[in-house]
Amino acid sequence: MDSNSISRWWYGIAVPIFFGMLLYGFALLFFLIGPSEPAASDSELLIKVLSLAATAVLAFVLYVMTAIYVISFVLDWWHLSKSDLVEWSPSGWYLTIPLVSLSNFTIPVIATPVVILGGGYYLHARSHAVGRPSSGWLD
């Protein structure tokens, strides 16, 4: 990355947000089907088991990715606040988002919404100030 480029650390923020949204999607699917009711068919049982397994796997992945999220968030914030290419300098209050998301190691029920909503808010504010990132090979 040269001195004239904008930080790409936002990838480390966006990927855990995506996994967090998938986590909630599979958990919602599991609860909509009914975790306590007996399965009416083999396919319903398969969907129940797979959605529960996907929820557990995604929860573990999000747990592991919390460190990547926090480091990426702080580095992106630092790079944007020191950059002279962007007129927007993110305030220090944004750093409370990765600080609270560290509680994912102790209380994931509180931290997962912070990872998703707080990171999404930061990326939204960042995109308005810096512009949307180029997708490169999709353009």
N, C-alpha and C. Protein backbone atom coordinates (compact mmCIF):
# COMPACT_ATOMS: atom_id res chain seq x y z
N MET A 1 0.85 -1.16 0.00
CA MET A 1 0.00 0.00 0.00
C MET A 1 0.90 1.23 0.00
N ASP A 2 0.73 2.10 -0.98
CA ASP A 2 1.56 3.29 -1.04
C ASP A 2 0.97 4.42 -0.22
N SER A 3 1.65 5.56 -0.21
CA SER A 3 1.21 6.66 0.65
C SER A 3 -0.03 7.35 0.11
N ASN A 4 -0.41 7.10 -1.14
CA ASN A 4 -1.58 7.76 -1.72
C ASN A 4 -2.83 6.89 -1.70
N SER A 5 -2.83 5.81 -0.99
CA SER A 5 -3.99 4.92 -1.00
C SER A 5 -4.74 5.00 0.32
N ILE A 6 -5.99 4.65 0.27
CA ILE A 6 -6.84 4.62 1.45
C ILE A 6 -6.71 3.24 2.09
N SER A 7 -6.91 3.16 3.37
CA SER A 7 -6.77 1.91 4.13
C SER A 7 -7.69 0.83 3.60
N ARG A 8 -7.18 -0.38 3.56
CA ARG A 8 -7.99 -1.54 3.17
C ARG A 8 -8.30 -2.43 4.37
N TRP A 9 -8.09 -1.93 5.56
CA TRP A 9 -8.37 -2.71 6.76
C TRP A 9 -9.87 -2.91 6.97
N TRP A 10 -10.70 -2.25 6.18
CA TRP A 10 -12.13 -2.40 6.32
C TRP A 10 -12.58 -3.83 5.99
N TYR A 11 -11.77 -4.57 5.24
CA TYR A 11 -12.11 -5.97 4.96
C TYR A 11 -12.20 -6.78 6.26
N GLY A 12 -11.30 -6.51 7.19
CA GLY A 12 -11.32 -7.19 8.48
C GLY A 12 -12.49 -6.81 9.35
N ILE A 13 -13.17 -5.74 9.00
CA ILE A 13 -14.39 -5.34 9.70
C ILE A 13 -15.61 -5.96 9.00
N ALA A 14 -15.59 -5.96 7.69
CA ALA A 14 -16.75 -6.43 6.92
C ALA A 14 -16.96 -7.93 6.99
N VAL A 15 -15.89 -8.71 7.01
CA VAL A 15 -16.04 -10.17 7.02
C VAL A 15 -16.69 -10.67 8.32
N PRO A 16 -16.27 -10.21 9.52
CA PRO A 16 -17.00 -10.65 10.72
C PRO A 16 -18.45 -10.19 10.75
N ILE A 17 -18.74 -9.03 10.16
CA ILE A 17 -20.14 -8.59 10.08
C ILE A 17 -20.94 -9.58 9.24
N PHE A 18 -20.37 -10.00 8.13
CA PHE A 18 -21.04 -10.98 7.26
C PHE A 18 -21.27 -12.30 8.00
N PHE A 19 -20.24 -12.79 8.71
CA PHE A 19 -20.41 -14.04 9.46
C PHE A 19 -21.41 -13.89 10.59
N GLY A 20 -21.45 -12.72 11.21
CA GLY A 20 -22.45 -12.48 12.26
C GLY A 20 -23.87 -12.48 11.72
N MET A 21 -24.05 -11.92 10.53
CA MET A 21 -25.38 -11.94 9.93
C MET A 21 -25.77 -13.36 9.53
N LEU A 22 -24.82 -14.15 9.03
CA LEU A 22 -25.11 -15.55 8.74
C LEU A 22 -25.46 -16.32 10.01
N LEU A 23 -24.75 -16.02 11.09
CA LEU A 23 -25.02 -16.66 12.39
C LEU A 23 -26.46 -16.42 12.81
N TYR A 24 -26.89 -15.18 12.75
CA TYR A 24 -28.27 -14.88 13.13
C TYR A 24 -29.28 -15.50 12.17
N GLY A 25 -28.92 -15.60 10.89
CA GLY A 25 -29.83 -16.22 9.92
C GLY A 25 -30.05 -17.70 10.20
N PHE A 26 -28.97 -18.43 10.46
CA PHE A 26 -29.11 -19.86 10.76
C PHE A 26 -29.77 -20.09 12.12
N ALA A 27 -29.49 -19.23 13.09
CA ALA A 27 -30.15 -19.37 14.39
C ALA A 27 -31.65 -19.10 14.26
N LEU A 28 -32.02 -18.11 13.44
CA LEU A 28 -33.43 -17.83 13.22
C LEU A 28 -34.11 -18.99 12.51
N LEU A 29 -33.43 -19.58 11.53
CA LEU A 29 -33.99 -20.75 10.86
C LEU A 29 -34.22 -21.90 11.83
N PHE A 30 -33.25 -22.11 12.72
CA PHE A 30 -33.39 -23.18 13.70
C PHE A 30 -34.58 -22.93 14.63
N PHE A 31 -34.74 -21.70 15.07
CA PHE A 31 -35.85 -21.41 15.98
C PHE A 31 -37.20 -21.36 15.27
N LEU A 32 -37.23 -21.01 14.00
CA LEU A 32 -38.49 -21.01 13.27
C LEU A 32 -39.01 -22.42 13.02
N ILE A 33 -38.11 -23.35 12.78
CA ILE A 33 -38.52 -24.73 12.54
C ILE A 33 -39.02 -25.37 13.83
N GLY A 34 -38.47 -24.95 14.94
CA GLY A 34 -38.92 -25.47 16.22
C GLY A 34 -37.93 -26.44 16.81
N PRO A 35 -37.09 -25.98 17.72
CA PRO A 35 -36.06 -26.86 18.27
C PRO A 35 -36.61 -27.94 19.20
N SER A 36 -37.77 -27.75 19.79
CA SER A 36 -38.25 -28.72 20.77
C SER A 36 -39.28 -29.69 20.21
N GLU A 37 -39.79 -29.41 19.04
CA GLU A 37 -40.80 -30.29 18.46
C GLU A 37 -40.14 -31.46 17.75
N PRO A 38 -40.77 -32.63 17.77
CA PRO A 38 -40.19 -33.74 17.00
C PRO A 38 -40.34 -33.48 15.50
N ALA A 39 -39.38 -33.95 14.76
CA ALA A 39 -39.38 -33.72 13.32
C ALA A 39 -40.46 -34.56 12.66
N ALA A 40 -41.17 -33.94 11.72
CA ALA A 40 -42.24 -34.64 11.01
C ALA A 40 -41.70 -35.51 9.89
N SER A 41 -40.51 -35.18 9.39
CA SER A 41 -39.93 -35.97 8.30
C SER A 41 -38.41 -35.95 8.44
N ASP A 42 -37.78 -36.78 7.63
CA ASP A 42 -36.32 -36.83 7.65
C ASP A 42 -35.70 -35.53 7.15
N SER A 43 -36.34 -34.91 6.16
CA SER A 43 -35.79 -33.66 5.63
C SER A 43 -35.88 -32.54 6.66
N GLU A 44 -36.95 -32.51 7.43
CA GLU A 44 -37.08 -31.49 8.48
C GLU A 44 -36.02 -31.71 9.57
N LEU A 45 -35.78 -32.95 9.91
CA LEU A 45 -34.75 -33.26 10.88
C LEU A 45 -33.36 -32.86 10.36
N LEU A 46 -33.13 -33.09 9.08
CA LEU A 46 -31.86 -32.71 8.48
C LEU A 46 -31.67 -31.19 8.51
N ILE A 47 -32.73 -30.44 8.20
CA ILE A 47 -32.65 -28.99 8.25
C ILE A 47 -32.39 -28.51 9.67
N LYS A 48 -33.05 -29.13 10.65
CA LYS A 48 -32.83 -28.75 12.05
C LYS A 48 -31.38 -28.99 12.46
N VAL A 49 -30.87 -30.15 12.13
CA VAL A 49 -29.50 -30.50 12.53
C VAL A 49 -28.49 -29.61 11.82
N LEU A 50 -28.68 -29.40 10.51
CA LEU A 50 -27.73 -28.57 9.76
C LEU A 50 -27.77 -27.11 10.20
N SER A 51 -28.96 -26.58 10.48
CA SER A 51 -29.03 -25.19 10.93
C SER A 51 -28.42 -25.03 12.32
N LEU A 52 -28.60 -26.01 13.19
CA LEU A 52 -27.97 -25.95 14.51
C LEU A 52 -26.46 -26.07 14.40
N ALA A 53 -26.00 -26.98 13.53
CA ALA A 53 -24.55 -27.13 13.33
C ALA A 53 -23.95 -25.88 12.71
N ALA A 54 -24.63 -25.28 11.73
CA ALA A 54 -24.14 -24.05 11.11
C ALA A 54 -24.09 -22.91 12.12
N THR A 55 -25.08 -22.84 13.00
CA THR A 55 -25.07 -21.82 14.05
C THR A 55 -23.88 -22.00 14.97
N ALA A 56 -23.60 -23.22 15.37
CA ALA A 56 -22.47 -23.48 16.27
C ALA A 56 -21.14 -23.18 15.59
N VAL A 57 -21.00 -23.57 14.33
CA VAL A 57 -19.75 -23.33 13.61
C VAL A 57 -19.53 -21.83 13.39
N LEU A 58 -20.58 -21.13 12.98
CA LEU A 58 -20.45 -19.69 12.76
C LEU A 58 -20.20 -18.94 14.05
N ALA A 59 -20.76 -19.41 15.15
CA ALA A 59 -20.49 -18.76 16.44
C ALA A 59 -19.02 -18.92 16.81
N PHE A 60 -18.46 -20.10 16.55
CA PHE A 60 -17.04 -20.31 16.83
C PHE A 60 -16.16 -19.48 15.90
N VAL A 61 -16.52 -19.40 14.62
CA VAL A 61 -15.75 -18.60 13.66
C VAL A 61 -15.78 -17.12 14.07
N LEU A 62 -16.94 -16.63 14.46
CA LEU A 62 -17.05 -15.24 14.89
C LEU A 62 -16.26 -15.01 16.17
N TYR A 63 -16.25 -15.98 17.04
CA TYR A 63 -15.46 -15.90 18.27
C TYR A 63 -13.98 -15.76 17.95
N VAL A 64 -13.50 -16.55 17.01
CA VAL A 64 -12.09 -16.50 16.63
C VAL A 64 -11.78 -15.21 15.87
N MET A 65 -12.70 -14.76 15.04
CA MET A 65 -12.47 -13.57 14.23
C MET A 65 -12.60 -12.27 15.01
N THR A 66 -12.97 -12.33 16.27
CA THR A 66 -13.09 -11.12 17.06
C THR A 66 -11.75 -10.40 17.16
N ALA A 67 -10.69 -11.14 17.29
CA ALA A 67 -9.36 -10.52 17.36
C ALA A 67 -9.02 -9.82 16.05
N ILE A 68 -9.33 -10.44 14.92
CA ILE A 68 -9.09 -9.83 13.62
C ILE A 68 -9.94 -8.57 13.47
N TYR A 69 -11.18 -8.64 13.92
CA TYR A 69 -12.10 -7.51 13.85
C TYR A 69 -11.54 -6.33 14.63
N VAL A 70 -11.10 -6.57 15.86
CA VAL A 70 -10.62 -5.49 16.72
C VAL A 70 -9.35 -4.86 16.13
N ILE A 71 -8.42 -5.69 15.71
CA ILE A 71 -7.16 -5.17 15.14
C ILE A 71 -7.44 -4.40 13.85
N SER A 72 -8.28 -4.94 12.99
CA SER A 72 -8.61 -4.26 11.74
C SER A 72 -9.31 -2.95 11.98
N PHE A 73 -10.22 -2.93 12.94
CA PHE A 73 -10.98 -1.72 13.25
C PHE A 73 -10.04 -0.62 13.71
N VAL A 74 -9.16 -0.95 14.65
CA VAL A 74 -8.24 0.05 15.20
C VAL A 74 -7.26 0.53 14.13
N LEU A 75 -6.74 -0.37 13.32
CA LEU A 75 -5.81 0.04 12.27
C LEU A 75 -6.48 0.88 11.20
N ASP A 76 -7.71 0.54 10.82
CA ASP A 76 -8.44 1.34 9.84
C ASP A 76 -8.73 2.72 10.41
N TRP A 77 -9.18 2.77 11.66
CA TRP A 77 -9.46 4.05 12.30
C TRP A 77 -8.19 4.90 12.36
N TRP A 78 -7.08 4.28 12.76
CA TRP A 78 -5.82 5.02 12.89
C TRP A 78 -5.35 5.52 11.53
N HIS A 79 -5.43 4.67 10.51
CA HIS A 79 -4.98 5.06 9.17
C HIS A 79 -5.81 6.21 8.63
N LEU A 80 -7.13 6.16 8.82
CA LEU A 80 -7.98 7.23 8.32
C LEU A 80 -7.80 8.52 9.11
N SER A 81 -7.55 8.41 10.41
CA SER A 81 -7.38 9.63 11.19
C SER A 81 -6.04 10.31 10.90
N LYS A 82 -5.04 9.56 10.42
CA LYS A 82 -3.73 10.13 10.09
C LYS A 82 -3.59 10.48 8.61
N SER A 83 -4.53 10.06 7.79
CA SER A 83 -4.42 10.27 6.35
C SER A 83 -4.73 11.72 5.99
N ASP A 84 -3.97 12.26 5.05
CA ASP A 84 -4.27 13.60 4.55
C ASP A 84 -5.06 13.55 3.25
N LEU A 85 -5.38 12.35 2.78
CA LEU A 85 -6.17 12.19 1.56
C LEU A 85 -7.66 12.35 1.81
N VAL A 86 -8.06 12.23 3.06
CA VAL A 86 -9.48 12.25 3.42
C VAL A 86 -9.71 13.41 4.38
N GLU A 87 -10.77 14.16 4.14
CA GLU A 87 -11.08 15.27 5.03
C GLU A 87 -11.75 14.79 6.31
N TRP A 88 -12.33 13.60 6.27
CA TRP A 88 -13.01 13.06 7.44
C TRP A 88 -12.01 12.40 8.36
N SER A 89 -12.06 12.79 9.61
CA SER A 89 -11.23 12.14 10.62
C SER A 89 -12.18 11.51 11.63
N PRO A 90 -12.21 10.19 11.69
CA PRO A 90 -13.16 9.54 12.61
C PRO A 90 -12.84 9.90 14.06
N SER A 91 -13.90 10.16 14.82
CA SER A 91 -13.70 10.55 16.21
C SER A 91 -13.24 9.35 17.04
N GLY A 92 -12.72 9.64 18.20
CA GLY A 92 -12.25 8.60 19.10
C GLY A 92 -13.36 7.74 19.66
N TRP A 93 -14.59 8.23 19.57
CA TRP A 93 -15.73 7.45 20.09
C TRP A 93 -15.94 6.16 19.31
N TYR A 94 -15.48 6.13 18.07
CA TYR A 94 -15.61 4.90 17.28
C TYR A 94 -14.80 3.77 17.90
N LEU A 95 -13.78 4.09 18.67
CA LEU A 95 -12.96 3.05 19.27
C LEU A 95 -13.67 2.31 20.40
N THR A 96 -14.81 2.82 20.85
CA THR A 96 -15.59 2.07 21.84
C THR A 96 -16.20 0.81 21.22
N ILE A 97 -16.40 0.82 19.90
CA ILE A 97 -16.98 -0.35 19.23
C ILE A 97 -16.05 -1.56 19.34
N PRO A 98 -14.77 -1.46 18.96
CA PRO A 98 -13.91 -2.64 19.14
C PRO A 98 -13.65 -2.96 20.61
N LEU A 99 -13.69 -1.94 21.46
CA LEU A 99 -13.48 -2.19 22.89
C LEU A 99 -14.62 -3.04 23.46
N VAL A 100 -15.85 -2.70 23.10
CA VAL A 100 -17.00 -3.48 23.57
C VAL A 100 -17.05 -4.84 22.89
N SER A 101 -16.61 -4.91 21.63
CA SER A 101 -16.64 -6.21 20.95
C SER A 101 -15.62 -7.19 21.52
N LEU A 102 -14.66 -6.71 22.28
CA LEU A 102 -13.76 -7.62 22.98
C LEU A 102 -14.49 -8.47 24.01
N SER A 103 -15.65 -8.01 24.43
CA SER A 103 -16.43 -8.81 25.38
C SER A 103 -17.00 -10.07 24.73
N ASN A 104 -16.78 -10.24 23.43
CA ASN A 104 -17.20 -11.46 22.75
C ASN A 104 -16.48 -12.67 23.34
N PHE A 105 -15.32 -12.45 23.94
CA PHE A 105 -14.59 -13.55 24.56
C PHE A 105 -15.23 -13.97 25.89
N THR A 106 -16.04 -13.10 26.49
CA THR A 106 -16.68 -13.44 27.76
C THR A 106 -18.20 -13.48 27.66
N ILE A 107 -18.81 -12.51 26.98
CA ILE A 107 -20.27 -12.43 26.89
C ILE A 107 -20.66 -12.25 25.41
N PRO A 108 -20.69 -13.32 24.63
CA PRO A 108 -20.96 -13.18 23.20
C PRO A 108 -22.37 -12.67 22.88
N VAL A 109 -23.30 -12.85 23.78
CA VAL A 109 -24.67 -12.40 23.50
C VAL A 109 -24.72 -10.88 23.36
N ILE A 110 -23.89 -10.18 24.11
CA ILE A 110 -23.84 -8.73 24.03
C ILE A 110 -22.94 -8.26 22.90
N ALA A 111 -21.85 -8.94 22.70
CA ALA A 111 -20.83 -8.47 21.75
C ALA A 111 -21.21 -8.69 20.30
N THR A 112 -21.92 -9.73 19.97
CA THR A 112 -22.24 -10.01 18.56
C THR A 112 -23.08 -8.90 17.93
N PRO A 113 -24.12 -8.39 18.60
CA PRO A 113 -24.81 -7.24 18.01
C PRO A 113 -23.93 -6.01 17.89
N VAL A 114 -22.99 -5.84 18.80
CA VAL A 114 -22.07 -4.69 18.72
C VAL A 114 -21.16 -4.85 17.51
N VAL A 115 -20.70 -6.07 17.27
CA VAL A 115 -19.85 -6.33 16.09
C VAL A 115 -20.62 -6.00 14.82
N ILE A 116 -21.86 -6.46 14.75
CA ILE A 116 -22.65 -6.27 13.53
C ILE A 116 -23.11 -4.82 13.37
N LEU A 117 -23.79 -4.29 14.38
CA LEU A 117 -24.36 -2.95 14.26
C LEU A 117 -23.31 -1.85 14.34
N GLY A 118 -22.38 -1.98 15.28
CA GLY A 118 -21.35 -0.96 15.42
C GLY A 118 -20.41 -0.93 14.23
N GLY A 119 -19.99 -2.10 13.79
CA GLY A 119 -19.12 -2.17 12.62
C GLY A 119 -19.84 -1.70 11.36
N GLY A 120 -21.11 -2.06 11.24
CA GLY A 120 -21.89 -1.60 10.09
C GLY A 120 -22.06 -0.09 10.08
N TYR A 121 -22.28 0.49 11.26
CA TYR A 121 -22.40 1.94 11.36
C TYR A 121 -21.09 2.63 10.98
N TYR A 122 -19.98 2.09 11.48
CA TYR A 122 -18.67 2.65 11.15
C TYR A 122 -18.40 2.56 9.65
N LEU A 123 -18.67 1.41 9.06
CA LEU A 123 -18.44 1.25 7.62
C LEU A 123 -19.36 2.16 6.80
N HIS A 124 -20.57 2.37 7.30
CA HIS A 124 -21.51 3.28 6.62
C HIS A 124 -20.98 4.71 6.67
N ALA A 125 -20.56 5.17 7.85
CA ALA A 125 -20.00 6.51 7.98
C ALA A 125 -18.72 6.64 7.17
N ARG A 126 -17.94 5.59 7.16
CA ARG A 126 -16.68 5.59 6.39
C ARG A 126 -16.95 5.69 4.90
N SER A 127 -17.97 4.98 4.42
CA SER A 127 -18.25 5.01 2.99
C SER A 127 -18.77 6.37 2.54
N HIS A 128 -19.50 7.07 3.42
CA HIS A 128 -19.96 8.41 3.05
C HIS A 128 -18.81 9.41 3.00
N ALA A 129 -17.82 9.24 3.87
CA ALA A 129 -16.70 10.17 3.92
C ALA A 129 -15.61 9.84 2.90
N VAL A 130 -15.29 8.57 2.76
CA VAL A 130 -14.17 8.15 1.92
C VAL A 130 -14.65 7.76 0.52
N GLY A 131 -15.86 7.29 0.44
CA GLY A 131 -16.39 6.77 -0.81
C GLY A 131 -16.43 5.26 -0.76
N ARG A 132 -17.19 4.70 -1.65
CA ARG A 132 -17.30 3.24 -1.69
C ARG A 132 -16.04 2.65 -2.27
N PRO A 133 -15.62 1.51 -1.71
CA PRO A 133 -14.39 0.91 -2.23
C PRO A 133 -14.62 0.31 -3.62
N SER A 134 -13.58 0.31 -4.40
CA SER A 134 -13.63 -0.30 -5.72
C SER A 134 -13.56 -1.82 -5.56
N SER A 135 -14.42 -2.52 -6.26
CA SER A 135 -14.43 -3.98 -6.15
C SER A 135 -13.39 -4.62 -7.05
N GLY A 136 -12.70 -3.82 -7.86
CA GLY A 136 -11.59 -4.34 -8.66
C GLY A 136 -12.05 -5.21 -9.81
N TRP A 137 -12.09 -6.50 -9.58
CA TRP A 137 -12.39 -7.46 -10.65
C TRP A 137 -13.85 -7.47 -11.05
N LEU A 138 -14.76 -6.86 -10.27
CA LEU A 138 -16.18 -6.82 -10.64
C LEU A 138 -16.50 -5.65 -11.57
N ASP A 139 -15.65 -4.65 -11.57
CA ASP A 139 -15.94 -3.44 -12.41
C ASP A 139 -15.74 -3.69 -13.87
